[in-house]
Amino acid sequence: MSSYARVIGAQLNDMSRSLGALVGIAQGLVCDSQLNDQEIRFLDNWLNENQAIASIWPGDVIHTRIRQALSDGVVTDAERHYLIETLQELVGGPSENLAGREHVTELGFDEVERIDFPDQNFCLTGNFIYGPREVCEQATSARGGILSAVTKKLRYLVVGSRGSIEWKHGSFGTKFEKAIQYKRDGCRILIVHEASWAASL
């Protein structure tokens, strides 16, 4: 392995650990479903000190929302509630729903009324309640969907409801993160929950 590859590998490991730290901090902050000003400022300071995390998804979303809440020096009840919801979305819901299970972050999802299958490019990620990944892929193909990787031509990234064990530790997976980046670059990718996909079958 070249020294360049080792450096890149070390940076990716550091990034994954930092994302895991962000998820852990978020879980700790919202475990009582409350968020006081001191906790909000703590998270703001932590993100300021960890710019590598604050500048990529999901850290950038959280940091932007915190800065908006702190911009006038007063955190209103509505802003506080919004921040609690944001952190709960990151960790997969209220703490009482998370014990001992995998979770799916709700940040980054698109709300769609219906998914169109014919001639649309699909990529599936995570673990599905509907069935094993192969079964979900067959159901997609049977309705005219085209299975592909996450590229700029992707239309739907479908995220399984059972998430992935790695999400507990801050690794949201390359498919999810790549799709987020393509969306930010203006691609028409929609990131949808398994429930939306299943309801459209």
N, C-alpha and C. Protein backbone atom coordinates (compact mmCIF):
# COMPACT_ATOMS: atom_id res chain seq x y z
N MET A 1 0.85 -1.19 0.00
CA MET A 1 0.00 0.00 0.00
C MET A 1 0.89 1.24 0.00
N SER A 2 0.59 2.18 -0.86
CA SER A 2 1.39 3.40 -0.96
C SER A 2 1.16 4.28 0.26
N SER A 3 2.11 5.20 0.48
CA SER A 3 1.95 6.12 1.61
C SER A 3 0.73 7.01 1.40
N TYR A 4 0.43 7.37 0.13
CA TYR A 4 -0.75 8.18 -0.17
C TYR A 4 -2.02 7.44 0.24
N ALA A 5 -2.11 6.15 -0.11
CA ALA A 5 -3.29 5.35 0.24
C ALA A 5 -3.43 5.23 1.75
N ARG A 6 -2.29 5.11 2.46
CA ARG A 6 -2.36 5.01 3.92
C ARG A 6 -2.88 6.31 4.53
N VAL A 7 -2.41 7.45 3.99
CA VAL A 7 -2.86 8.75 4.50
C VAL A 7 -4.36 8.92 4.26
N ILE A 8 -4.83 8.60 3.05
CA ILE A 8 -6.25 8.71 2.73
C ILE A 8 -7.06 7.78 3.63
N GLY A 9 -6.58 6.55 3.81
CA GLY A 9 -7.28 5.60 4.69
C GLY A 9 -7.39 6.11 6.11
N ALA A 10 -6.29 6.70 6.61
CA ALA A 10 -6.30 7.26 7.97
C ALA A 10 -7.28 8.41 8.07
N GLN A 11 -7.33 9.27 7.03
CA GLN A 11 -8.27 10.39 7.05
C GLN A 11 -9.71 9.91 7.05
N LEU A 12 -10.00 8.88 6.25
CA LEU A 12 -11.36 8.34 6.23
C LEU A 12 -11.73 7.72 7.56
N ASN A 13 -10.80 7.03 8.21
CA ASN A 13 -11.06 6.46 9.53
C ASN A 13 -11.32 7.55 10.55
N ASP A 14 -10.52 8.63 10.50
CA ASP A 14 -10.73 9.76 11.41
C ASP A 14 -12.10 10.39 11.19
N MET A 15 -12.49 10.54 9.91
CA MET A 15 -13.79 11.12 9.58
C MET A 15 -14.92 10.25 10.13
N SER A 16 -14.80 8.94 9.95
CA SER A 16 -15.83 8.02 10.44
C SER A 16 -15.95 8.10 11.95
N ARG A 17 -14.79 8.15 12.65
CA ARG A 17 -14.83 8.27 14.11
C ARG A 17 -15.48 9.57 14.54
N SER A 18 -15.19 10.66 13.82
CA SER A 18 -15.77 11.96 14.17
C SER A 18 -17.26 11.98 13.93
N LEU A 19 -17.71 11.37 12.82
CA LEU A 19 -19.15 11.27 12.58
C LEU A 19 -19.80 10.44 13.66
N GLY A 20 -19.12 9.38 14.08
CA GLY A 20 -19.63 8.56 15.18
C GLY A 20 -19.74 9.38 16.46
N ALA A 21 -18.75 10.25 16.69
CA ALA A 21 -18.79 11.12 17.86
C ALA A 21 -19.98 12.06 17.79
N LEU A 22 -20.24 12.61 16.59
CA LEU A 22 -21.39 13.51 16.42
C LEU A 22 -22.70 12.79 16.73
N VAL A 23 -22.86 11.57 16.23
CA VAL A 23 -24.06 10.79 16.52
C VAL A 23 -24.17 10.52 18.01
N GLY A 24 -23.05 10.16 18.64
CA GLY A 24 -23.05 9.90 20.08
C GLY A 24 -23.42 11.12 20.89
N ILE A 25 -22.86 12.27 20.52
CA ILE A 25 -23.19 13.53 21.21
C ILE A 25 -24.68 13.84 21.04
N ALA A 26 -25.18 13.69 19.81
CA ALA A 26 -26.60 13.96 19.56
C ALA A 26 -27.49 13.05 20.40
N GLN A 27 -27.13 11.78 20.49
CA GLN A 27 -27.92 10.85 21.31
C GLN A 27 -27.93 11.28 22.77
N GLY A 28 -26.76 11.70 23.26
CA GLY A 28 -26.69 12.14 24.65
C GLY A 28 -27.49 13.42 24.91
N LEU A 29 -27.44 14.34 23.96
CA LEU A 29 -28.13 15.61 24.15
C LEU A 29 -29.65 15.48 24.14
N VAL A 30 -30.18 14.57 23.33
CA VAL A 30 -31.64 14.47 23.21
C VAL A 30 -32.21 13.25 23.92
N CYS A 31 -31.41 12.60 24.76
CA CYS A 31 -31.91 11.40 25.45
C CYS A 31 -33.09 11.71 26.37
N ASP A 32 -33.17 12.96 26.84
CA ASP A 32 -34.30 13.36 27.69
C ASP A 32 -35.33 14.18 26.92
N SER A 33 -35.17 14.23 25.58
CA SER A 33 -36.07 14.99 24.69
C SER A 33 -36.11 16.48 25.04
N GLN A 34 -35.03 16.96 25.64
CA GLN A 34 -34.92 18.39 25.95
C GLN A 34 -33.56 18.88 25.48
N LEU A 35 -33.44 20.19 25.31
CA LEU A 35 -32.19 20.78 24.84
C LEU A 35 -32.11 22.19 25.40
N ASN A 36 -31.17 22.41 26.33
CA ASN A 36 -31.06 23.75 26.91
C ASN A 36 -30.01 24.58 26.16
N ASP A 37 -29.93 25.86 26.49
CA ASP A 37 -29.01 26.76 25.77
C ASP A 37 -27.57 26.31 25.90
N GLN A 38 -27.18 25.82 27.07
CA GLN A 38 -25.81 25.38 27.29
C GLN A 38 -25.48 24.20 26.37
N GLU A 39 -26.41 23.27 26.20
CA GLU A 39 -26.19 22.12 25.33
C GLU A 39 -26.10 22.55 23.86
N ILE A 40 -26.91 23.52 23.47
CA ILE A 40 -26.87 24.03 22.09
C ILE A 40 -25.53 24.69 21.83
N ARG A 41 -25.06 25.50 22.77
CA ARG A 41 -23.76 26.17 22.60
C ARG A 41 -22.61 25.17 22.62
N PHE A 42 -22.74 24.13 23.44
CA PHE A 42 -21.71 23.08 23.45
C PHE A 42 -21.58 22.44 22.07
N LEU A 43 -22.72 22.08 21.47
CA LEU A 43 -22.69 21.44 20.16
C LEU A 43 -22.17 22.41 19.10
N ASP A 44 -22.53 23.68 19.19
CA ASP A 44 -22.02 24.69 18.27
C ASP A 44 -20.50 24.78 18.38
N ASN A 45 -19.99 24.84 19.61
CA ASN A 45 -18.54 24.91 19.82
C ASN A 45 -17.84 23.66 19.31
N TRP A 46 -18.44 22.49 19.55
CA TRP A 46 -17.84 21.23 19.10
C TRP A 46 -17.74 21.22 17.58
N LEU A 47 -18.78 21.66 16.90
CA LEU A 47 -18.76 21.69 15.44
C LEU A 47 -17.77 22.74 14.93
N ASN A 48 -17.66 23.87 15.63
CA ASN A 48 -16.65 24.87 15.26
C ASN A 48 -15.24 24.31 15.36
N GLU A 49 -15.01 23.48 16.36
CA GLU A 49 -13.70 22.87 16.57
C GLU A 49 -13.46 21.68 15.65
N ASN A 50 -14.50 21.17 15.03
CA ASN A 50 -14.40 20.00 14.14
C ASN A 50 -14.95 20.37 12.77
N GLN A 51 -14.26 21.31 12.11
CA GLN A 51 -14.74 21.84 10.83
C GLN A 51 -14.85 20.77 9.75
N ALA A 52 -14.04 19.71 9.84
CA ALA A 52 -14.14 18.65 8.83
C ALA A 52 -15.51 18.00 8.88
N ILE A 53 -16.11 17.93 10.07
CA ILE A 53 -17.45 17.35 10.22
C ILE A 53 -18.51 18.42 9.94
N ALA A 54 -18.25 19.64 10.38
CA ALA A 54 -19.23 20.73 10.21
C ALA A 54 -19.40 21.12 8.75
N SER A 55 -18.48 20.71 7.89
CA SER A 55 -18.55 21.13 6.49
C SER A 55 -19.11 20.05 5.57
N ILE A 56 -19.43 18.87 6.11
CA ILE A 56 -20.02 17.81 5.28
C ILE A 56 -21.31 17.34 5.92
N TRP A 57 -22.16 16.68 5.11
CA TRP A 57 -23.40 16.14 5.61
C TRP A 57 -23.11 14.98 6.56
N PRO A 58 -23.82 14.86 7.70
CA PRO A 58 -24.93 15.68 8.17
C PRO A 58 -24.52 16.83 9.09
N GLY A 59 -23.21 16.93 9.38
CA GLY A 59 -22.75 17.99 10.27
C GLY A 59 -23.10 19.37 9.80
N ASP A 60 -23.03 19.59 8.47
CA ASP A 60 -23.32 20.93 7.97
C ASP A 60 -24.78 21.32 8.16
N VAL A 61 -25.69 20.35 8.02
CA VAL A 61 -27.11 20.63 8.23
C VAL A 61 -27.35 21.03 9.68
N ILE A 62 -26.78 20.27 10.59
CA ILE A 62 -26.97 20.53 12.02
C ILE A 62 -26.34 21.87 12.41
N HIS A 63 -25.13 22.12 11.90
CA HIS A 63 -24.45 23.37 12.27
C HIS A 63 -25.20 24.59 11.74
N THR A 64 -25.72 24.50 10.53
CA THR A 64 -26.50 25.61 9.98
C THR A 64 -27.72 25.90 10.83
N ARG A 65 -28.42 24.86 11.25
CA ARG A 65 -29.63 25.05 12.06
C ARG A 65 -29.30 25.60 13.44
N ILE A 66 -28.17 25.18 14.00
CA ILE A 66 -27.76 25.72 15.30
C ILE A 66 -27.40 27.20 15.16
N ARG A 67 -26.65 27.54 14.12
CA ARG A 67 -26.27 28.94 13.92
C ARG A 67 -27.49 29.83 13.70
N GLN A 68 -28.49 29.31 12.99
CA GLN A 68 -29.72 30.08 12.80
C GLN A 68 -30.40 30.34 14.13
N ALA A 69 -30.44 29.32 14.99
CA ALA A 69 -31.10 29.47 16.30
C ALA A 69 -30.35 30.45 17.19
N LEU A 70 -29.01 30.48 17.08
CA LEU A 70 -28.20 31.33 17.95
C LEU A 70 -27.96 32.73 17.36
N SER A 71 -28.40 32.96 16.14
CA SER A 71 -28.04 34.20 15.42
C SER A 71 -28.44 35.48 16.13
N ASP A 72 -29.58 35.47 16.82
CA ASP A 72 -30.02 36.70 17.49
C ASP A 72 -29.77 36.66 19.00
N GLY A 73 -29.09 35.61 19.46
CA GLY A 73 -28.74 35.51 20.88
C GLY A 73 -29.83 34.94 21.76
N VAL A 74 -31.01 34.68 21.20
CA VAL A 74 -32.12 34.12 21.97
C VAL A 74 -32.66 32.89 21.22
N VAL A 75 -32.69 31.77 21.93
CA VAL A 75 -33.24 30.55 21.32
C VAL A 75 -34.71 30.46 21.72
N THR A 76 -35.58 30.61 20.74
CA THR A 76 -37.02 30.55 21.02
C THR A 76 -37.45 29.10 21.22
N ASP A 77 -38.66 28.92 21.76
CA ASP A 77 -39.19 27.57 21.95
C ASP A 77 -39.32 26.84 20.61
N ALA A 78 -39.72 27.57 19.57
CA ALA A 78 -39.87 26.96 18.25
C ALA A 78 -38.51 26.52 17.72
N GLU A 79 -37.48 27.36 17.89
CA GLU A 79 -36.13 26.99 17.43
C GLU A 79 -35.59 25.81 18.22
N ARG A 80 -35.84 25.81 19.53
CA ARG A 80 -35.37 24.71 20.37
C ARG A 80 -36.04 23.39 19.94
N HIS A 81 -37.34 23.44 19.71
CA HIS A 81 -38.08 22.24 19.27
C HIS A 81 -37.54 21.75 17.93
N TYR A 82 -37.26 22.67 17.03
CA TYR A 82 -36.73 22.32 15.70
C TYR A 82 -35.37 21.64 15.82
N LEU A 83 -34.51 22.16 16.72
CA LEU A 83 -33.20 21.55 16.93
C LEU A 83 -33.33 20.15 17.53
N ILE A 84 -34.25 19.98 18.47
CA ILE A 84 -34.47 18.65 19.05
C ILE A 84 -34.90 17.69 17.96
N GLU A 85 -35.84 18.12 17.12
CA GLU A 85 -36.31 17.27 16.03
C GLU A 85 -35.18 16.94 15.06
N THR A 86 -34.32 17.92 14.78
CA THR A 86 -33.19 17.70 13.88
C THR A 86 -32.25 16.63 14.43
N LEU A 87 -31.91 16.74 15.71
CA LEU A 87 -31.01 15.76 16.32
C LEU A 87 -31.67 14.39 16.42
N GLN A 88 -32.97 14.35 16.70
CA GLN A 88 -33.68 13.08 16.74
C GLN A 88 -33.72 12.44 15.35
N GLU A 89 -33.86 13.28 14.32
CA GLU A 89 -33.82 12.75 12.95
C GLU A 89 -32.46 12.15 12.66
N LEU A 90 -31.39 12.79 13.15
CA LEU A 90 -30.05 12.28 12.93
C LEU A 90 -29.87 10.90 13.56
N VAL A 91 -30.34 10.75 14.80
CA VAL A 91 -30.10 9.49 15.51
C VAL A 91 -31.19 8.46 15.26
N GLY A 92 -32.24 8.82 14.53
CA GLY A 92 -33.26 7.84 14.15
C GLY A 92 -34.52 7.89 14.96
N GLY A 93 -34.71 8.93 15.77
CA GLY A 93 -35.96 9.07 16.52
C GLY A 93 -35.69 9.32 17.99
N PRO A 94 -36.77 9.46 18.77
CA PRO A 94 -36.62 9.64 20.22
C PRO A 94 -35.87 8.47 20.84
N SER A 95 -35.17 8.73 21.93
CA SER A 95 -34.30 7.72 22.53
C SER A 95 -35.03 6.45 22.92
N GLU A 96 -36.31 6.54 23.31
CA GLU A 96 -37.03 5.34 23.71
C GLU A 96 -37.27 4.39 22.54
N ASN A 97 -37.12 4.89 21.31
CA ASN A 97 -37.32 4.04 20.14
C ASN A 97 -36.03 3.39 19.66
N LEU A 98 -34.90 3.74 20.25
CA LEU A 98 -33.62 3.33 19.68
C LEU A 98 -32.96 2.16 20.37
N ALA A 99 -33.36 1.86 21.58
CA ALA A 99 -32.64 0.86 22.36
C ALA A 99 -32.54 -0.47 21.63
N GLY A 100 -31.29 -0.91 21.45
CA GLY A 100 -31.04 -2.23 20.92
C GLY A 100 -31.43 -2.48 19.48
N ARG A 101 -31.61 -1.43 18.69
CA ARG A 101 -31.97 -1.68 17.29
C ARG A 101 -31.18 -0.77 16.38
N GLU A 102 -31.14 -1.17 15.12
CA GLU A 102 -30.53 -0.33 14.12
C GLU A 102 -31.51 0.81 13.84
N HIS A 103 -31.04 1.86 13.20
CA HIS A 103 -31.94 2.97 12.94
C HIS A 103 -31.64 3.60 11.59
N VAL A 104 -32.57 4.39 11.16
CA VAL A 104 -32.43 5.12 9.90
C VAL A 104 -32.50 6.59 10.20
N THR A 105 -31.45 7.32 9.86
CA THR A 105 -31.50 8.77 10.01
C THR A 105 -32.58 9.32 9.11
N GLU A 106 -33.30 10.32 9.56
CA GLU A 106 -34.36 10.92 8.76
C GLU A 106 -33.87 12.16 8.01
N LEU A 107 -32.67 12.64 8.34
CA LEU A 107 -32.13 13.79 7.64
C LEU A 107 -31.81 13.40 6.20
N GLY A 108 -32.13 14.26 5.28
CA GLY A 108 -31.77 14.03 3.90
C GLY A 108 -32.83 13.34 3.06
N PHE A 109 -33.93 12.89 3.68
CA PHE A 109 -34.96 12.20 2.91
C PHE A 109 -35.84 13.19 2.15
N ASP A 110 -36.30 12.75 0.98
CA ASP A 110 -37.26 13.54 0.20
C ASP A 110 -38.65 12.96 0.41
N GLU A 111 -39.62 13.84 0.55
CA GLU A 111 -41.01 13.39 0.66
C GLU A 111 -41.60 13.30 -0.74
N VAL A 112 -42.09 12.13 -1.08
CA VAL A 112 -42.69 11.92 -2.40
C VAL A 112 -44.06 11.28 -2.22
N GLU A 113 -45.00 11.69 -3.06
CA GLU A 113 -46.34 11.09 -2.99
C GLU A 113 -46.33 9.69 -3.58
N ARG A 114 -45.60 9.54 -4.66
CA ARG A 114 -45.57 8.26 -5.35
C ARG A 114 -44.25 8.11 -6.09
N ILE A 115 -43.75 6.90 -6.12
CA ILE A 115 -42.52 6.60 -6.86
C ILE A 115 -42.90 6.00 -8.20
N ASP A 116 -42.32 6.54 -9.27
CA ASP A 116 -42.53 6.01 -10.61
C ASP A 116 -41.43 5.00 -10.90
N PHE A 117 -41.81 3.79 -11.32
CA PHE A 117 -40.83 2.74 -11.56
C PHE A 117 -40.33 2.66 -13.00
N PRO A 118 -41.22 2.68 -14.01
CA PRO A 118 -40.76 2.40 -15.38
C PRO A 118 -39.63 3.33 -15.84
N ASP A 119 -38.55 2.69 -16.28
CA ASP A 119 -37.40 3.39 -16.89
C ASP A 119 -36.67 4.35 -15.94
N GLN A 120 -36.89 4.20 -14.64
CA GLN A 120 -36.18 5.03 -13.66
C GLN A 120 -35.05 4.22 -13.03
N ASN A 121 -33.92 4.88 -12.77
CA ASN A 121 -32.77 4.21 -12.15
C ASN A 121 -32.92 4.18 -10.64
N PHE A 122 -32.76 2.98 -10.06
CA PHE A 122 -32.90 2.76 -8.63
C PHE A 122 -31.61 2.17 -8.06
N CYS A 123 -31.31 2.56 -6.83
CA CYS A 123 -30.26 1.91 -6.05
C CYS A 123 -30.84 1.70 -4.66
N LEU A 124 -30.61 0.53 -4.08
CA LEU A 124 -31.13 0.22 -2.75
C LEU A 124 -29.98 0.13 -1.77
N THR A 125 -30.21 0.61 -0.55
CA THR A 125 -29.18 0.55 0.48
C THR A 125 -29.81 0.28 1.84
N GLY A 126 -29.05 -0.29 2.75
CA GLY A 126 -29.57 -0.62 4.08
C GLY A 126 -30.30 -1.94 4.09
N ASN A 127 -30.94 -2.21 5.21
CA ASN A 127 -31.68 -3.45 5.41
C ASN A 127 -33.18 -3.17 5.36
N PHE A 128 -33.90 -4.02 4.66
CA PHE A 128 -35.31 -3.79 4.37
C PHE A 128 -36.23 -4.70 5.17
N ILE A 129 -37.36 -4.13 5.61
CA ILE A 129 -38.40 -4.92 6.25
C ILE A 129 -39.12 -5.77 5.21
N TYR A 130 -39.28 -5.25 3.99
CA TYR A 130 -40.00 -5.93 2.92
C TYR A 130 -39.41 -7.31 2.64
N GLY A 131 -38.11 -7.43 2.77
CA GLY A 131 -37.44 -8.70 2.52
C GLY A 131 -35.97 -8.48 2.25
N PRO A 132 -35.24 -9.55 1.93
CA PRO A 132 -33.82 -9.40 1.60
C PRO A 132 -33.64 -8.47 0.40
N ARG A 133 -32.47 -7.89 0.30
CA ARG A 133 -32.20 -6.92 -0.77
C ARG A 133 -32.53 -7.48 -2.15
N GLU A 134 -32.21 -8.76 -2.38
CA GLU A 134 -32.47 -9.37 -3.70
C GLU A 134 -33.96 -9.36 -4.02
N VAL A 135 -34.79 -9.62 -3.02
CA VAL A 135 -36.25 -9.63 -3.22
C VAL A 135 -36.73 -8.22 -3.56
N CYS A 136 -36.19 -7.22 -2.87
CA CYS A 136 -36.57 -5.82 -3.13
C CYS A 136 -36.12 -5.39 -4.52
N GLU A 137 -34.94 -5.84 -4.92
CA GLU A 137 -34.45 -5.51 -6.26
C GLU A 137 -35.33 -6.16 -7.33
N GLN A 138 -35.75 -7.41 -7.09
CA GLN A 138 -36.63 -8.10 -8.04
C GLN A 138 -37.98 -7.37 -8.15
N ALA A 139 -38.51 -6.91 -7.02
CA ALA A 139 -39.79 -6.19 -7.04
C ALA A 139 -39.65 -4.89 -7.82
N THR A 140 -38.50 -4.25 -7.72
CA THR A 140 -38.25 -3.01 -8.45
C THR A 140 -38.14 -3.28 -9.95
N SER A 141 -37.36 -4.29 -10.30
CA SER A 141 -37.18 -4.64 -11.72
C SER A 141 -38.49 -5.08 -12.36
N ALA A 142 -39.31 -5.82 -11.62
CA ALA A 142 -40.58 -6.32 -12.16
C ALA A 142 -41.52 -5.19 -12.54
N ARG A 143 -41.30 -4.01 -11.97
CA ARG A 143 -42.16 -2.86 -12.27
C ARG A 143 -41.49 -1.89 -13.24
N GLY A 144 -40.41 -2.34 -13.87
CA GLY A 144 -39.76 -1.54 -14.89
C GLY A 144 -38.63 -0.67 -14.40
N GLY A 145 -38.31 -0.76 -13.09
CA GLY A 145 -37.19 0.00 -12.56
C GLY A 145 -35.87 -0.59 -13.01
N ILE A 146 -34.88 0.26 -13.18
CA ILE A 146 -33.55 -0.16 -13.62
C ILE A 146 -32.61 -0.06 -12.42
N LEU A 147 -31.97 -1.16 -12.07
CA LEU A 147 -31.05 -1.17 -10.94
C LEU A 147 -29.70 -0.62 -11.37
N SER A 148 -29.15 0.28 -10.58
CA SER A 148 -27.86 0.87 -10.93
C SER A 148 -27.11 1.25 -9.65
N ALA A 149 -25.92 1.75 -9.85
CA ALA A 149 -25.15 2.30 -8.75
C ALA A 149 -25.56 3.75 -8.55
N VAL A 150 -24.98 4.40 -7.55
CA VAL A 150 -25.26 5.82 -7.34
C VAL A 150 -24.42 6.63 -8.32
N THR A 151 -25.08 7.12 -9.35
CA THR A 151 -24.44 7.97 -10.34
C THR A 151 -25.29 9.22 -10.50
N LYS A 152 -24.86 10.13 -11.34
CA LYS A 152 -25.62 11.34 -11.57
C LYS A 152 -26.95 11.06 -12.28
N LYS A 153 -27.07 9.88 -12.88
CA LYS A 153 -28.31 9.51 -13.58
C LYS A 153 -29.31 8.82 -12.67
N LEU A 154 -28.92 8.53 -11.42
CA LEU A 154 -29.82 7.85 -10.49
C LEU A 154 -31.04 8.72 -10.22
N ARG A 155 -32.21 8.10 -10.16
CA ARG A 155 -33.43 8.83 -9.81
C ARG A 155 -33.81 8.60 -8.36
N TYR A 156 -33.74 7.33 -7.90
CA TYR A 156 -34.17 7.01 -6.53
C TYR A 156 -33.09 6.21 -5.79
N LEU A 157 -32.69 6.70 -4.64
CA LEU A 157 -31.95 5.89 -3.69
C LEU A 157 -32.94 5.50 -2.62
N VAL A 158 -33.22 4.20 -2.52
CA VAL A 158 -34.21 3.70 -1.56
C VAL A 158 -33.47 3.17 -0.34
N VAL A 159 -33.82 3.70 0.83
CA VAL A 159 -33.15 3.34 2.08
C VAL A 159 -34.05 2.43 2.89
N GLY A 160 -33.54 1.24 3.20
CA GLY A 160 -34.30 0.27 3.97
C GLY A 160 -34.65 0.78 5.36
N SER A 161 -35.84 0.40 5.83
CA SER A 161 -36.36 0.89 7.13
C SER A 161 -35.54 0.42 8.32
N ARG A 162 -34.83 -0.69 8.14
CA ARG A 162 -34.05 -1.21 9.26
C ARG A 162 -32.65 -0.61 9.29
N GLY A 163 -32.36 0.27 8.35
CA GLY A 163 -31.07 0.97 8.35
C GLY A 163 -29.91 0.02 8.25
N SER A 164 -28.89 0.33 9.01
CA SER A 164 -27.68 -0.47 9.02
C SER A 164 -27.02 -0.27 10.37
N ILE A 165 -26.40 -1.31 10.88
CA ILE A 165 -25.76 -1.22 12.20
C ILE A 165 -24.68 -0.15 12.20
N GLU A 166 -24.05 0.10 11.04
CA GLU A 166 -23.00 1.11 10.98
C GLU A 166 -23.53 2.51 11.26
N TRP A 167 -24.83 2.75 10.99
CA TRP A 167 -25.39 4.09 11.18
C TRP A 167 -25.36 4.50 12.64
N LYS A 168 -25.36 3.53 13.55
CA LYS A 168 -25.28 3.87 14.97
C LYS A 168 -23.94 4.51 15.30
N HIS A 169 -22.95 4.23 14.46
CA HIS A 169 -21.59 4.70 14.74
C HIS A 169 -21.18 5.83 13.81
N GLY A 170 -22.15 6.41 13.10
CA GLY A 170 -21.87 7.59 12.30
C GLY A 170 -21.43 7.33 10.88
N SER A 171 -21.40 6.08 10.45
CA SER A 171 -21.05 5.80 9.06
C SER A 171 -22.34 5.59 8.28
N PHE A 172 -22.72 6.58 7.48
CA PHE A 172 -24.00 6.53 6.79
C PHE A 172 -23.89 5.83 5.44
N GLY A 173 -22.69 5.39 5.09
CA GLY A 173 -22.52 4.62 3.87
C GLY A 173 -22.21 5.49 2.68
N THR A 174 -21.41 4.94 1.78
CA THR A 174 -20.98 5.71 0.62
C THR A 174 -22.14 6.01 -0.33
N LYS A 175 -23.11 5.11 -0.44
CA LYS A 175 -24.24 5.36 -1.34
C LYS A 175 -25.02 6.59 -0.88
N PHE A 176 -25.35 6.63 0.39
CA PHE A 176 -26.13 7.74 0.94
C PHE A 176 -25.36 9.05 0.79
N GLU A 177 -24.10 9.03 1.20
CA GLU A 177 -23.30 10.25 1.18
C GLU A 177 -23.05 10.74 -0.25
N LYS A 178 -22.83 9.80 -1.19
CA LYS A 178 -22.63 10.19 -2.58
C LYS A 178 -23.90 10.78 -3.16
N ALA A 179 -25.05 10.19 -2.82
CA ALA A 179 -26.33 10.72 -3.32
C ALA A 179 -26.57 12.13 -2.79
N ILE A 180 -26.27 12.37 -1.53
CA ILE A 180 -26.41 13.71 -0.95
C ILE A 180 -25.55 14.71 -1.74
N GLN A 181 -24.31 14.32 -2.05
CA GLN A 181 -23.42 15.22 -2.78
C GLN A 181 -23.95 15.51 -4.18
N TYR A 182 -24.41 14.47 -4.88
CA TYR A 182 -24.97 14.68 -6.22
C TYR A 182 -26.20 15.60 -6.18
N LYS A 183 -27.04 15.42 -5.15
CA LYS A 183 -28.21 16.30 -5.00
C LYS A 183 -27.76 17.75 -4.85
N ARG A 184 -26.73 17.96 -4.07
CA ARG A 184 -26.22 19.32 -3.85
C ARG A 184 -25.62 19.90 -5.11
N ASP A 185 -25.16 19.02 -5.99
CA ASP A 185 -24.61 19.46 -7.27
C ASP A 185 -25.69 19.69 -8.31
N GLY A 186 -26.96 19.50 -7.93
CA GLY A 186 -28.07 19.78 -8.82
C GLY A 186 -28.67 18.58 -9.53
N CYS A 187 -28.23 17.38 -9.19
CA CYS A 187 -28.81 16.18 -9.82
C CYS A 187 -30.22 15.94 -9.29
N ARG A 188 -31.03 15.25 -10.08
CA ARG A 188 -32.45 15.04 -9.75
C ARG A 188 -32.66 13.82 -8.84
N ILE A 189 -31.69 13.41 -8.10
CA ILE A 189 -31.81 12.23 -7.25
C ILE A 189 -32.78 12.49 -6.11
N LEU A 190 -33.62 11.49 -5.85
CA LEU A 190 -34.51 11.52 -4.70
C LEU A 190 -34.08 10.42 -3.74
N ILE A 191 -33.92 10.78 -2.47
CA ILE A 191 -33.58 9.80 -1.44
C ILE A 191 -34.88 9.50 -0.70
N VAL A 192 -35.34 8.26 -0.80
CA VAL A 192 -36.65 7.91 -0.27
C VAL A 192 -36.56 6.75 0.72
N HIS A 193 -37.46 6.77 1.65
CA HIS A 193 -37.57 5.73 2.67
C HIS A 193 -38.26 4.50 2.08
N GLU A 194 -37.93 3.34 2.61
CA GLU A 194 -38.55 2.10 2.17
C GLU A 194 -40.07 2.20 2.18
N ALA A 195 -40.64 2.89 3.15
CA ALA A 195 -42.10 2.98 3.26
C ALA A 195 -42.69 3.61 2.01
N SER A 196 -42.06 4.64 1.47
CA SER A 196 -42.55 5.28 0.24
C SER A 196 -42.44 4.33 -0.94
N TRP A 197 -41.32 3.63 -1.00
CA TRP A 197 -41.09 2.65 -2.08
C TRP A 197 -42.13 1.54 -2.03
N ALA A 198 -42.34 0.98 -0.85
CA ALA A 198 -43.29 -0.14 -0.69
C ALA A 198 -44.70 0.30 -0.98
N ALA A 199 -45.08 1.52 -0.60
CA ALA A 199 -46.43 2.00 -0.83
C ALA A 199 -46.70 2.20 -2.32
N SER A 200 -45.65 2.33 -3.12
CA SER A 200 -45.81 2.56 -4.56
C SER A 200 -45.75 1.28 -5.38
N LEU A 201 -45.46 0.16 -4.73
CA LEU A 201 -45.35 -1.11 -5.48
C LEU A 201 -46.68 -1.50 -6.08
